[in-house]
N, C-alpha and C. Protein backbone atom coordinates (compact mmCIF):
# COMPACT_ATOMS: atom_id res chain seq x y z
N MET A 1 12.54 43.29 -29.58
CA MET A 1 12.00 43.56 -28.26
C MET A 1 11.52 42.27 -27.62
N LYS A 2 11.93 42.04 -26.35
CA LYS A 2 11.58 40.81 -25.67
C LYS A 2 10.13 40.86 -25.18
N SER A 3 9.50 39.71 -25.21
CA SER A 3 8.13 39.66 -24.71
C SER A 3 8.13 39.68 -23.18
N GLN A 4 6.95 39.84 -22.61
CA GLN A 4 6.82 39.89 -21.15
C GLN A 4 7.27 38.58 -20.51
N GLU A 5 7.04 37.45 -21.19
CA GLU A 5 7.41 36.16 -20.62
C GLU A 5 8.92 36.06 -20.44
N HIS A 6 9.67 36.49 -21.48
CA HIS A 6 11.12 36.38 -21.39
C HIS A 6 11.69 37.34 -20.35
N LYS A 7 11.04 38.45 -20.16
CA LYS A 7 11.56 39.44 -19.21
C LYS A 7 11.46 38.91 -17.77
N ASN A 8 10.38 38.18 -17.46
CA ASN A 8 10.17 37.71 -16.09
C ASN A 8 10.58 36.25 -15.91
N GLU A 9 11.37 35.74 -16.81
CA GLU A 9 11.63 34.30 -16.80
C GLU A 9 12.30 33.84 -15.51
N GLY A 10 13.29 34.58 -15.05
CA GLY A 10 14.02 34.14 -13.87
C GLY A 10 13.42 34.59 -12.56
N HIS A 11 12.31 35.32 -12.60
CA HIS A 11 11.78 35.91 -11.37
C HIS A 11 10.53 35.22 -10.86
N ASN A 12 10.09 34.17 -11.54
CA ASN A 12 8.87 33.52 -11.08
C ASN A 12 9.16 32.15 -10.46
N ALA A 13 10.36 31.99 -9.89
CA ALA A 13 10.67 30.74 -9.21
C ALA A 13 9.83 30.66 -7.93
N PRO A 14 9.44 29.44 -7.53
CA PRO A 14 8.63 29.33 -6.31
C PRO A 14 9.43 29.78 -5.09
N THR A 15 8.76 30.51 -4.22
CA THR A 15 9.44 31.06 -3.05
C THR A 15 9.03 30.35 -1.77
N TRP A 16 8.11 29.35 -1.85
CA TRP A 16 7.65 28.69 -0.63
C TRP A 16 8.73 27.75 -0.10
N GLN A 17 8.71 27.55 1.19
CA GLN A 17 9.63 26.63 1.86
C GLN A 17 8.82 25.53 2.53
N VAL A 18 9.40 24.33 2.59
CA VAL A 18 8.74 23.24 3.30
C VAL A 18 8.90 23.49 4.79
N PRO A 19 7.82 23.44 5.58
CA PRO A 19 7.97 23.63 7.02
C PRO A 19 8.91 22.58 7.60
N THR A 20 9.66 22.97 8.63
CA THR A 20 10.66 22.05 9.18
C THR A 20 10.01 20.84 9.82
N ASP A 21 8.80 20.98 10.36
CA ASP A 21 8.15 19.84 11.02
C ASP A 21 7.16 19.14 10.08
N TYR A 22 7.28 19.35 8.78
CA TYR A 22 6.32 18.77 7.84
C TYR A 22 6.33 17.24 7.93
N PHE A 23 7.54 16.66 7.90
CA PHE A 23 7.63 15.20 7.90
C PHE A 23 7.36 14.63 9.28
N GLU A 24 7.55 15.43 10.35
CA GLU A 24 7.20 14.95 11.67
C GLU A 24 5.68 14.88 11.83
N ARG A 25 4.96 15.81 11.22
CA ARG A 25 3.50 15.82 11.33
C ARG A 25 2.84 14.91 10.31
N LEU A 26 3.61 14.40 9.35
CA LEU A 26 3.01 13.65 8.25
C LEU A 26 2.28 12.39 8.72
N PRO A 27 2.84 11.53 9.60
CA PRO A 27 2.09 10.34 10.01
C PRO A 27 0.75 10.68 10.64
N GLY A 28 0.70 11.71 11.48
CA GLY A 28 -0.57 12.10 12.07
C GLY A 28 -1.56 12.58 11.03
N ARG A 29 -1.07 13.30 10.03
CA ARG A 29 -1.97 13.77 8.98
C ARG A 29 -2.47 12.61 8.14
N VAL A 30 -1.60 11.62 7.88
CA VAL A 30 -2.04 10.45 7.11
C VAL A 30 -3.09 9.68 7.90
N MET A 31 -2.85 9.50 9.21
CA MET A 31 -3.83 8.77 10.02
C MET A 31 -5.15 9.55 10.10
N ALA A 32 -5.07 10.87 10.21
CA ALA A 32 -6.30 11.66 10.24
C ALA A 32 -7.05 11.51 8.92
N ARG A 33 -6.33 11.49 7.81
CA ARG A 33 -6.99 11.32 6.51
C ARG A 33 -7.62 9.93 6.42
N LEU A 34 -6.92 8.91 6.94
CA LEU A 34 -7.49 7.57 6.92
C LEU A 34 -8.74 7.48 7.78
N GLU A 35 -8.68 8.10 8.98
CA GLU A 35 -9.85 8.06 9.85
C GLU A 35 -11.01 8.83 9.22
N GLN A 36 -10.69 9.88 8.48
CA GLN A 36 -11.74 10.64 7.81
C GLN A 36 -12.38 9.79 6.70
N ALA A 37 -11.55 9.05 5.98
CA ALA A 37 -12.06 8.24 4.89
C ALA A 37 -12.78 7.00 5.41
N ALA A 38 -12.21 6.33 6.41
CA ALA A 38 -12.80 5.12 6.98
C ALA A 38 -12.64 5.20 8.49
N PRO A 39 -13.72 5.44 9.23
CA PRO A 39 -13.61 5.52 10.69
C PRO A 39 -13.07 4.22 11.27
N PRO A 40 -12.46 4.27 12.47
CA PRO A 40 -11.84 3.07 13.04
C PRO A 40 -12.80 1.90 13.21
N GLN A 41 -14.11 2.15 13.37
CA GLN A 41 -15.02 1.01 13.54
C GLN A 41 -15.16 0.22 12.24
N LEU A 42 -14.70 0.78 11.12
CA LEU A 42 -14.73 0.04 9.86
C LEU A 42 -13.43 -0.73 9.62
N TRP A 43 -12.42 -0.55 10.48
CA TRP A 43 -11.13 -1.21 10.25
C TRP A 43 -11.19 -2.68 10.61
N LEU A 44 -11.97 -3.04 11.64
CA LEU A 44 -11.99 -4.43 12.09
C LEU A 44 -12.48 -5.37 10.99
N PRO A 45 -13.57 -5.05 10.27
CA PRO A 45 -13.95 -5.96 9.18
C PRO A 45 -12.87 -6.09 8.12
N ALA A 46 -12.15 -5.01 7.85
CA ALA A 46 -11.08 -5.10 6.85
C ALA A 46 -9.98 -6.04 7.33
N LYS A 47 -9.61 -5.92 8.62
CA LYS A 47 -8.59 -6.83 9.15
C LYS A 47 -9.11 -8.26 9.17
N ALA A 48 -10.39 -8.43 9.54
CA ALA A 48 -10.96 -9.77 9.58
C ALA A 48 -11.00 -10.38 8.19
N SER A 49 -11.36 -9.59 7.18
CA SER A 49 -11.41 -10.13 5.83
C SER A 49 -10.00 -10.45 5.34
N ARG A 50 -9.00 -9.68 5.78
CA ARG A 50 -7.63 -9.98 5.40
C ARG A 50 -7.20 -11.33 5.99
N TRP A 51 -7.53 -11.55 7.28
CA TRP A 51 -7.18 -12.82 7.90
C TRP A 51 -7.98 -13.97 7.28
N ALA A 52 -9.23 -13.70 6.90
CA ALA A 52 -10.02 -14.74 6.23
C ALA A 52 -9.38 -15.10 4.88
N LEU A 53 -8.86 -14.11 4.18
CA LEU A 53 -8.20 -14.38 2.91
C LEU A 53 -6.95 -15.23 3.13
N VAL A 54 -6.15 -14.88 4.14
CA VAL A 54 -4.94 -15.65 4.44
C VAL A 54 -5.31 -17.08 4.81
N ALA A 55 -6.34 -17.23 5.66
CA ALA A 55 -6.75 -18.57 6.09
C ALA A 55 -7.25 -19.39 4.90
N SER A 56 -8.02 -18.77 4.01
CA SER A 56 -8.54 -19.52 2.87
C SER A 56 -7.41 -19.92 1.92
N MET A 57 -6.38 -19.07 1.81
CA MET A 57 -5.24 -19.44 0.97
C MET A 57 -4.49 -20.62 1.57
N LEU A 58 -4.33 -20.62 2.90
CA LEU A 58 -3.65 -21.74 3.55
C LEU A 58 -4.46 -23.02 3.39
N VAL A 59 -5.77 -22.95 3.57
CA VAL A 59 -6.61 -24.14 3.41
C VAL A 59 -6.54 -24.63 1.97
N GLY A 60 -6.57 -23.71 1.01
CA GLY A 60 -6.48 -24.12 -0.39
C GLY A 60 -5.15 -24.78 -0.71
N ALA A 61 -4.06 -24.24 -0.16
CA ALA A 61 -2.75 -24.87 -0.38
C ALA A 61 -2.70 -26.25 0.25
N TRP A 62 -3.32 -26.40 1.43
CA TRP A 62 -3.32 -27.70 2.10
C TRP A 62 -4.15 -28.70 1.30
N LEU A 63 -5.26 -28.26 0.74
CA LEU A 63 -6.10 -29.17 -0.03
C LEU A 63 -5.44 -29.54 -1.35
N LEU A 64 -4.69 -28.63 -1.95
CA LEU A 64 -4.06 -28.92 -3.23
C LEU A 64 -2.73 -29.66 -3.09
N TRP A 65 -2.19 -29.70 -1.86
CA TRP A 65 -0.91 -30.37 -1.66
C TRP A 65 -1.06 -31.86 -1.91
N PRO A 66 -0.18 -32.48 -2.65
CA PRO A 66 -0.34 -33.92 -2.91
C PRO A 66 -0.17 -34.74 -1.63
N LYS A 67 -1.12 -35.64 -1.41
CA LYS A 67 -1.07 -36.49 -0.23
C LYS A 67 -0.05 -37.62 -0.48
N PRO A 68 0.46 -38.24 0.59
CA PRO A 68 1.46 -39.31 0.38
C PRO A 68 0.93 -40.45 -0.46
N SER A 69 -0.37 -40.73 -0.42
CA SER A 69 -0.91 -41.85 -1.19
C SER A 69 -1.01 -41.52 -2.67
N GLU A 70 -1.02 -40.25 -3.02
CA GLU A 70 -1.19 -39.88 -4.42
C GLU A 70 0.01 -39.09 -4.93
N GLU A 71 1.21 -39.48 -4.49
CA GLU A 71 2.40 -38.80 -4.97
C GLU A 71 2.53 -39.00 -6.48
N ILE A 72 2.99 -37.98 -7.15
CA ILE A 72 3.14 -38.04 -8.59
C ILE A 72 4.39 -38.85 -8.90
N ASN A 73 4.27 -39.84 -9.77
CA ASN A 73 5.41 -40.66 -10.14
C ASN A 73 6.24 -39.91 -11.18
N THR A 74 7.47 -39.65 -10.82
CA THR A 74 8.39 -38.97 -11.73
C THR A 74 9.55 -39.92 -12.00
N PRO A 75 10.28 -39.71 -13.07
CA PRO A 75 11.39 -40.62 -13.39
C PRO A 75 12.43 -40.70 -12.28
N TRP A 76 12.63 -39.64 -11.52
CA TRP A 76 13.67 -39.65 -10.51
C TRP A 76 13.14 -40.07 -9.14
N SER A 77 11.85 -40.37 -9.03
CA SER A 77 11.34 -40.83 -7.73
C SER A 77 11.60 -42.32 -7.60
N THR A 78 11.89 -42.76 -6.37
CA THR A 78 12.24 -44.17 -6.16
C THR A 78 11.04 -44.93 -5.66
């Protein structure tokens, strides 16, 4: 005798359908979730800190770049 699980095995498939406009509404829902998590007045400091990070990386690369007076002598340099 089959158990209850085996009897209903093929009948418990999900019957829900994805709404046709689900992906059209998705960007708005994502933005609403972002605004709920961090209101827009908190976005400016995040953008400013991102630009500060980029600027500090550029300054660091400029400071670490070898100057013409201190070029590293390599065997193939003339």
